[in-house]
Amino acid sequence: MYITVLGFLGCASIIFFAGKKLSYYGDLLAEMTGMGKAWIGLILMSTVTSLPELMVGVSSVTILKSADFAVGGIIGSCAFNLGILSLMDFFTAKDKPLFTQVSQSHILAASFSIILLALAGLGMFMDRSIMIVDSIGISSIGFALIYFLAMRGIYAYQKANPAITTPYEPVKGVTLRGVALRYAGLALIIIATAMALPYFAEQITVETGLGESFVGTLFLAISTSLPEIVVSLAALRIGAADMAMGNLLGSNIFNIFILFLDDVMYTDGLLLRDASESNLVSIFMVLMMTGVATIGLIFPFRQKRIILAWDTLIIFLLYVFNIVLLYRLS
């Protein structure tokens, strides 16, 4: 048991430190290419920080043949990403709650997240009765279509409403090729480490008797979301709360797209239908958390009466309630 836990924590630590460096080089890459932090941050950074979720999902369905780990890890990661908003708000000043520091443009990403999550919940009931391909559910095809529609819509919005940026100032000894190579190397480290996480998670499930949905939602989701934590807190520290918010919401959109890729590689049936229905608890909770975040973006609280504003406090309580319910169900 101790070796399994140490192995799991070791993988999580590698992802944490590699993710921190990866985020730095990804941000530098965005500046050096001149394509803009907002758009590159949404695509590059959210995709990069979601690499662990991608590889965990792939290894869960191809090696372990576990639909529960794949779905539980993805939905749990979405919940944890929103929980990071509460962590970020904890470190903000009392008169500057998190949602007062970000623009309402994030409502667009939050809205697409709600659509994708609702489709995931619907797919757990609908996929087997409406099939286009034997091994791919219709909801998974919807994930791919809506993901690319979301990227196109958000890109069009950001192009019509460009952010004010400062030109990149070249640093002596730092080249685009060097940054790209470091970026690729760190990405490979994260991919290789993330491939081992499902094995340790499965061992924890067997040795503790906890359900796969609970372990996937808690342990896998937290460890694979470590890069998001690093990126978000670092961005908040330099006053780039908008970048942090975009990274988290963008990661949630990409996470649901990962379910499409997992379903393509899952050959034992339909991914969502074979996953435990207890994952619906997490889907409903993430929908509520995203809804609260959307309200916070529209009507942010201007003052924190306690350590958190009311919106981020409710998000945190919903996350804890989700974990408690899954534990009871397992």
Protein backbone atom coordinates (compact mmCIF):
# COMPACT_ATOMS: atom_id res chain seq x y z
CA MET A 1 0.00 0.00 0.00
CA TYR A 2 2.79 2.41 0.96
CA ILE A 3 4.70 1.71 -2.25
CA THR A 4 1.57 2.37 -4.30
CA VAL A 5 0.90 5.68 -2.54
CA LEU A 6 4.55 6.72 -2.90
CA GLY A 7 4.46 5.86 -6.59
CA PHE A 8 1.31 7.90 -7.05
CA LEU A 9 2.75 10.88 -5.15
CA GLY A 10 6.02 10.59 -7.10
CA CYS A 11 4.19 10.82 -10.42
CA ALA A 12 2.13 13.74 -9.14
CA SER A 13 5.29 15.58 -8.05
CA ILE A 14 6.94 15.14 -11.44
CA ILE A 15 3.82 16.48 -13.18
CA PHE A 16 3.75 19.43 -10.78
CA PHE A 17 7.33 20.58 -11.36
CA ALA A 18 7.42 19.74 -15.07
CA GLY A 19 4.07 21.47 -15.53
CA LYS A 20 5.42 24.61 -13.87
CA LYS A 21 8.33 24.82 -16.30
CA LEU A 22 6.17 23.80 -19.22
CA SER A 23 3.79 26.65 -18.50
CA TYR A 24 6.67 29.12 -18.40
CA TYR A 25 8.06 28.03 -21.76
CA GLY A 26 4.58 27.85 -23.26
CA ASP A 27 3.91 31.45 -22.27
CA LEU A 28 7.32 32.50 -23.60
CA LEU A 29 6.61 30.66 -26.84
CA ALA A 30 3.36 32.56 -27.21
CA GLU A 31 5.18 35.88 -26.79
CA MET A 32 7.98 35.02 -29.18
CA THR A 33 5.67 33.89 -31.98
CA GLY A 34 3.69 37.13 -31.70
CA MET A 35 0.34 35.36 -31.98
CA GLY A 36 -1.04 36.93 -28.81
CA LYS A 37 -1.27 35.62 -25.26
CA ALA A 38 -5.05 35.49 -25.14
CA TRP A 39 -5.54 33.16 -28.10
CA ILE A 40 -2.35 31.10 -27.65
CA GLY A 41 -3.10 30.88 -23.93
CA LEU A 42 -6.55 29.44 -24.62
CA ILE A 43 -5.31 26.87 -27.15
CA LEU A 44 -1.69 26.21 -26.21
CA MET A 45 -1.75 26.57 -22.43
CA SER A 46 -5.07 24.84 -21.80
CA THR A 47 -4.04 22.00 -24.11
CA VAL A 48 -0.64 21.75 -22.46
CA THR A 49 -1.98 21.70 -18.91
CA SER A 50 -4.54 19.09 -20.01
CA LEU A 51 -1.86 16.72 -21.37
CA PRO A 52 -1.98 14.60 -18.17
CA GLU A 53 -5.77 14.22 -18.50
CA LEU A 54 -5.32 13.21 -22.14
CA MET A 55 -2.70 10.57 -21.45
CA VAL A 56 -4.46 9.25 -18.34
CA GLY A 57 -7.66 8.89 -20.36
CA VAL A 58 -5.88 7.09 -23.20
CA SER A 59 -4.08 4.68 -20.90
CA SER A 60 -7.28 4.09 -18.89
CA VAL A 61 -9.22 2.90 -21.96
CA THR A 62 -6.40 1.15 -23.84
CA ILE A 63 -4.43 -0.50 -21.02
CA LEU A 64 -6.86 -0.82 -18.10
CA LYS A 65 -10.01 -0.99 -20.26
CA SER A 66 -11.70 1.15 -17.61
CA ALA A 67 -14.39 3.54 -18.81
CA ASP A 68 -14.94 4.63 -15.20
CA PHE A 69 -11.37 5.87 -14.73
CA ALA A 70 -11.47 7.76 -18.03
CA VAL A 71 -14.82 9.48 -17.41
CA GLY A 72 -14.29 9.98 -13.66
CA GLY A 73 -10.85 11.47 -14.21
CA ILE A 74 -12.06 13.92 -16.85
CA ILE A 75 -15.19 15.12 -15.05
CA GLY A 76 -13.32 15.22 -11.76
CA SER A 77 -10.63 17.34 -13.39
CA CYS A 78 -13.30 19.77 -14.61
CA ALA A 79 -14.63 20.02 -11.05
CA PHE A 80 -11.15 20.52 -9.63
CA ASN A 81 -10.31 23.20 -12.20
CA LEU A 82 -13.32 25.20 -11.02
CA GLY A 83 -12.28 24.53 -7.44
CA ILE A 84 -8.97 26.23 -8.28
CA LEU A 85 -10.98 29.45 -8.68
CA SER A 86 -11.69 29.31 -4.95
CA LEU A 87 -7.99 28.72 -4.24
CA MET A 88 -7.10 31.74 -6.38
CA ASP A 89 -9.70 33.91 -4.65
CA PHE A 90 -8.16 32.94 -1.30
CA PHE A 91 -4.94 34.72 -2.33
CA THR A 92 -6.60 37.92 -3.56
CA ALA A 93 -7.02 41.10 -1.53
CA LYS A 94 -10.24 41.55 0.45
CA ASP A 95 -11.34 44.49 -1.71
CA LYS A 96 -10.37 42.73 -4.98
CA PRO A 97 -12.20 39.38 -5.24
CA LEU A 98 -11.17 37.20 -8.16
CA PHE A 99 -14.20 37.83 -10.36
CA THR A 100 -13.72 41.59 -10.19
CA GLN A 101 -10.28 41.19 -11.82
CA VAL A 102 -11.40 39.32 -14.95
CA SER A 103 -13.42 40.35 -18.00
CA GLN A 104 -16.89 39.15 -18.93
CA SER A 105 -15.48 37.64 -22.11
CA HIS A 106 -14.99 34.38 -20.17
CA ILE A 107 -18.77 33.94 -20.14
CA LEU A 108 -18.48 32.60 -23.69
CA ALA A 109 -16.08 29.82 -22.64
CA ALA A 110 -18.20 29.03 -19.57
CA SER A 111 -21.30 28.74 -21.77
CA PHE A 112 -19.62 26.27 -24.13
CA SER A 113 -18.49 24.28 -21.07
CA ILE A 114 -22.09 24.01 -19.86
CA ILE A 115 -23.23 22.76 -23.29
CA LEU A 116 -20.49 20.12 -23.42
CA LEU A 117 -21.14 18.94 -19.86
CA ALA A 118 -24.88 18.68 -20.45
CA LEU A 119 -24.16 16.60 -23.58
CA ALA A 120 -21.90 14.31 -21.53
CA GLY A 121 -24.69 13.68 -19.04
CA LEU A 122 -27.17 13.07 -21.84
CA GLY A 123 -24.77 10.62 -23.48
CA MET A 124 -24.82 8.35 -20.43
CA PHE A 125 -28.48 7.62 -21.28
CA MET A 126 -28.74 8.26 -25.01
CA ASP A 127 -25.69 6.79 -26.73
CA ARG A 128 -26.80 3.15 -26.94
CA SER A 129 -30.17 3.97 -28.47
CA ILE A 130 -28.79 6.37 -31.10
CA MET A 131 -25.58 5.09 -32.70
CA ILE A 132 -23.76 6.12 -35.87
CA VAL A 133 -20.65 3.99 -35.39
CA ASP A 134 -20.63 0.78 -33.31
CA SER A 135 -17.89 1.92 -30.96
CA ILE A 136 -18.46 5.69 -30.89
CA GLY A 137 -21.44 7.34 -29.25
CA ILE A 138 -23.30 10.19 -30.91
CA SER A 139 -22.54 12.41 -27.91
CA SER A 140 -18.81 11.90 -28.47
CA ILE A 141 -19.16 13.08 -32.05
CA GLY A 142 -21.00 16.09 -30.61
CA PHE A 143 -18.02 16.76 -28.30
CA ALA A 144 -15.70 17.10 -31.30
CA LEU A 145 -18.07 19.32 -33.29
CA ILE A 146 -18.88 21.62 -30.36
CA TYR A 147 -15.20 21.84 -29.34
CA PHE A 148 -14.11 23.14 -32.74
CA LEU A 149 -17.17 25.42 -32.86
CA ALA A 150 -16.18 26.79 -29.44
CA MET A 151 -12.59 27.43 -30.54
CA ARG A 152 -13.79 29.18 -33.68
CA GLY A 153 -16.33 31.28 -31.78
CA ILE A 154 -13.91 32.29 -29.03
CA TYR A 155 -11.23 33.13 -31.62
CA ALA A 156 -13.70 35.32 -33.53
CA TYR A 157 -14.70 37.09 -30.34
CA GLN A 158 -11.11 37.73 -29.28
CA LYS A 159 -10.21 38.95 -32.76
CA ALA A 160 -13.12 41.40 -32.65
CA ASN A 161 -12.15 42.48 -29.12
CA PRO A 162 -8.33 42.40 -29.05
CA ALA A 163 -6.56 42.81 -25.73
CA ILE A 164 -3.91 45.47 -25.24
CA THR A 165 -0.49 43.80 -25.19
CA THR A 166 3.11 44.95 -24.97
CA PRO A 167 5.57 43.95 -27.72
CA TYR A 168 8.01 41.14 -26.92
CA GLU A 169 11.52 42.29 -26.06
CA PRO A 170 14.15 39.74 -27.18
CA VAL A 171 16.36 38.30 -24.43
CA LYS A 172 19.99 37.56 -25.23
CA GLY A 173 20.67 33.84 -25.53
CA VAL A 174 16.98 32.89 -25.70
CA THR A 175 15.97 31.58 -29.13
CA LEU A 176 12.65 30.35 -30.47
CA ARG A 177 14.21 26.98 -31.34
CA GLY A 178 15.62 26.55 -27.84
CA VAL A 179 12.32 27.42 -26.17
CA ALA A 180 10.41 25.06 -28.49
CA LEU A 181 12.80 22.16 -27.74
CA ARG A 182 12.52 22.68 -23.96
CA TYR A 183 8.76 22.91 -24.31
CA ALA A 184 8.61 19.62 -26.25
CA GLY A 185 10.95 17.86 -23.81
CA LEU A 186 8.89 18.82 -20.77
CA ALA A 187 5.71 17.79 -22.58
CA LEU A 188 7.17 14.33 -23.16
CA ILE A 189 8.09 14.03 -19.47
CA ILE A 190 4.52 14.85 -18.47
CA ILE A 191 3.09 12.40 -21.01
CA ALA A 192 5.33 9.54 -19.83
CA THR A 193 4.56 10.21 -16.16
CA ALA A 194 0.84 10.57 -16.70
CA MET A 195 0.75 7.15 -18.39
CA ALA A 196 1.69 5.55 -15.05
CA LEU A 197 -1.00 7.29 -12.99
CA PRO A 198 -3.93 4.96 -13.88
CA TYR A 199 -1.89 1.94 -12.71
CA PHE A 200 -1.31 3.43 -9.26
CA ALA A 201 -4.92 4.66 -9.09
CA GLU A 202 -6.19 1.14 -9.88
CA GLN A 203 -3.98 -0.31 -7.15
CA ILE A 204 -5.34 2.23 -4.67
CA THR A 205 -8.86 1.21 -5.68
CA VAL A 206 -8.12 -2.49 -5.09
CA GLU A 207 -6.23 -1.99 -1.82
CA THR A 208 -8.69 0.48 -0.26
CA GLY A 209 -11.94 -0.91 -1.65
CA LEU A 210 -13.01 2.51 -2.89
CA GLY A 211 -14.94 2.82 -6.16
CA GLU A 212 -13.25 3.71 -9.44
CA SER A 213 -15.47 6.77 -9.86
CA PHE A 214 -14.36 8.13 -6.47
CA VAL A 215 -10.66 7.41 -7.02
CA GLY A 216 -10.79 8.79 -10.57
CA THR A 217 -12.62 11.94 -9.49
CA LEU A 218 -10.42 12.62 -6.46
CA PHE A 219 -6.88 11.25 -6.88
CA LEU A 220 -6.52 11.23 -10.67
CA ALA A 221 -8.28 14.57 -11.12
CA ILE A 222 -6.17 16.37 -8.51
CA SER A 223 -2.84 15.00 -9.73
CA THR A 224 -3.54 15.68 -13.41
CA SER A 225 -4.76 19.20 -12.58
CA LEU A 226 -1.50 20.17 -10.88
CA PRO A 227 -0.27 22.07 -13.98
CA GLU A 228 -3.47 24.14 -13.92
CA ILE A 229 -2.80 25.04 -10.28
CA VAL A 230 0.76 26.14 -11.05
CA VAL A 231 -0.24 28.18 -14.11
CA SER A 232 -3.19 29.84 -12.39
CA LEU A 233 -1.42 30.86 -9.20
CA ALA A 234 1.63 32.08 -11.16
CA ALA A 235 -0.60 34.16 -13.44
CA LEU A 236 -2.44 35.60 -10.45
CA ARG A 237 0.85 36.53 -8.82
CA ILE A 238 1.91 38.62 -11.84
CA GLY A 239 -1.52 40.25 -12.09
CA ALA A 240 -2.75 38.20 -15.06
CA ALA A 241 -5.99 36.88 -13.57
CA ASP A 242 -7.60 36.90 -17.03
CA MET A 243 -4.98 34.46 -18.31
CA ALA A 244 -5.57 32.15 -15.34
CA MET A 245 -9.34 32.21 -15.81
CA GLY A 246 -9.00 31.54 -19.53
CA ASN A 247 -6.64 28.64 -18.89
CA LEU A 248 -9.03 26.95 -16.44
CA LEU A 249 -12.18 27.36 -18.54
CA GLY A 250 -10.26 26.43 -21.70
CA SER A 251 -8.96 23.31 -19.97
CA ASN A 252 -12.50 22.27 -19.11
CA ILE A 253 -13.57 22.63 -22.75
CA PHE A 254 -10.57 20.58 -23.91
CA ASN A 255 -11.21 17.97 -21.18
CA ILE A 256 -14.64 17.15 -22.60
CA PHE A 257 -13.08 16.92 -26.08
CA ILE A 258 -10.73 14.30 -24.58
CA LEU A 259 -13.81 12.12 -23.93
CA PHE A 260 -14.27 11.98 -27.72
CA LEU A 261 -10.69 10.74 -28.17
CA ASP A 262 -11.12 8.24 -25.33
CA ASP A 263 -14.34 6.92 -26.87
CA VAL A 264 -12.58 6.43 -30.22
CA MET A 265 -9.87 4.33 -28.52
CA TYR A 266 -12.27 2.45 -26.25
CA THR A 267 -13.08 -0.71 -28.20
CA ASP A 268 -15.08 -2.62 -25.57
CA GLY A 269 -18.28 -0.62 -26.07
CA LEU A 270 -19.49 2.95 -25.64
CA LEU A 271 -17.43 4.94 -23.16
CA LEU A 272 -20.18 6.96 -21.46
CA ARG A 273 -22.64 4.07 -21.31
CA ASP A 274 -20.04 1.73 -19.76
CA ALA A 275 -19.01 4.27 -17.10
CA SER A 276 -20.71 4.18 -13.71
CA GLU A 277 -23.84 6.30 -13.40
CA SER A 278 -22.33 7.80 -10.24
CA ASN A 279 -20.35 10.02 -12.62
CA LEU A 280 -23.63 11.85 -13.23
CA VAL A 281 -23.26 13.29 -9.72
CA SER A 282 -20.01 14.98 -10.76
CA ILE A 283 -21.50 16.16 -14.06
CA PHE A 284 -24.44 17.83 -12.27
CA MET A 285 -22.12 19.39 -9.70
CA VAL A 286 -19.74 20.75 -12.37
CA LEU A 287 -22.75 22.20 -14.20
CA MET A 288 -23.80 24.01 -11.02
CA MET A 289 -20.24 25.18 -10.33
CA THR A 290 -19.92 26.55 -13.87
CA GLY A 291 -23.31 28.25 -13.50
CA VAL A 292 -22.16 29.94 -10.27
CA ALA A 293 -18.93 31.04 -12.01
CA THR A 294 -21.00 32.54 -14.85
CA ILE A 295 -23.12 34.47 -12.36
CA GLY A 296 -19.92 35.66 -10.68
CA LEU A 297 -18.60 36.91 -14.01
CA ILE A 298 -21.80 38.89 -14.64
CA PHE A 299 -22.41 40.14 -11.09
CA PRO A 300 -19.11 39.87 -9.18
CA PHE A 301 -19.05 40.58 -5.45
CA ARG A 302 -17.04 43.73 -4.85
CA GLN A 303 -15.93 42.84 -1.33
CA LYS A 304 -14.94 39.66 0.49
CA ARG A 305 -16.70 39.49 3.85
CA ILE A 306 -14.75 36.35 4.70
CA ILE A 307 -11.67 34.71 3.17
CA LEU A 308 -13.65 34.01 -0.01
CA ALA A 309 -16.28 35.92 -1.96
CA TRP A 310 -19.72 34.31 -1.93
CA ASP A 311 -19.41 33.01 -5.51
CA THR A 312 -16.09 31.21 -4.97
CA LEU A 313 -17.26 30.00 -1.55
CA ILE A 314 -20.30 28.34 -3.14
CA ILE A 315 -18.06 26.78 -5.82
CA PHE A 316 -15.80 25.37 -3.09
CA LEU A 317 -18.73 23.97 -1.09
CA LEU A 318 -20.18 22.33 -4.21
CA TYR A 319 -16.81 20.69 -4.90
CA VAL A 320 -16.59 19.31 -1.35
CA PHE A 321 -20.21 18.13 -1.53
CA ASN A 322 -19.39 16.32 -4.78
CA ILE A 323 -16.51 14.42 -3.18
CA VAL A 324 -18.65 13.49 -0.15
CA LEU A 325 -21.47 12.18 -2.36
CA LEU A 326 -19.09 10.10 -4.49
CA TYR A 327 -17.48 8.65 -1.37
CA ARG A 328 -20.90 7.66 -0.02
CA LEU A 329 -21.84 6.10 -3.36
CA SER A 330 -18.57 4.16 -3.54
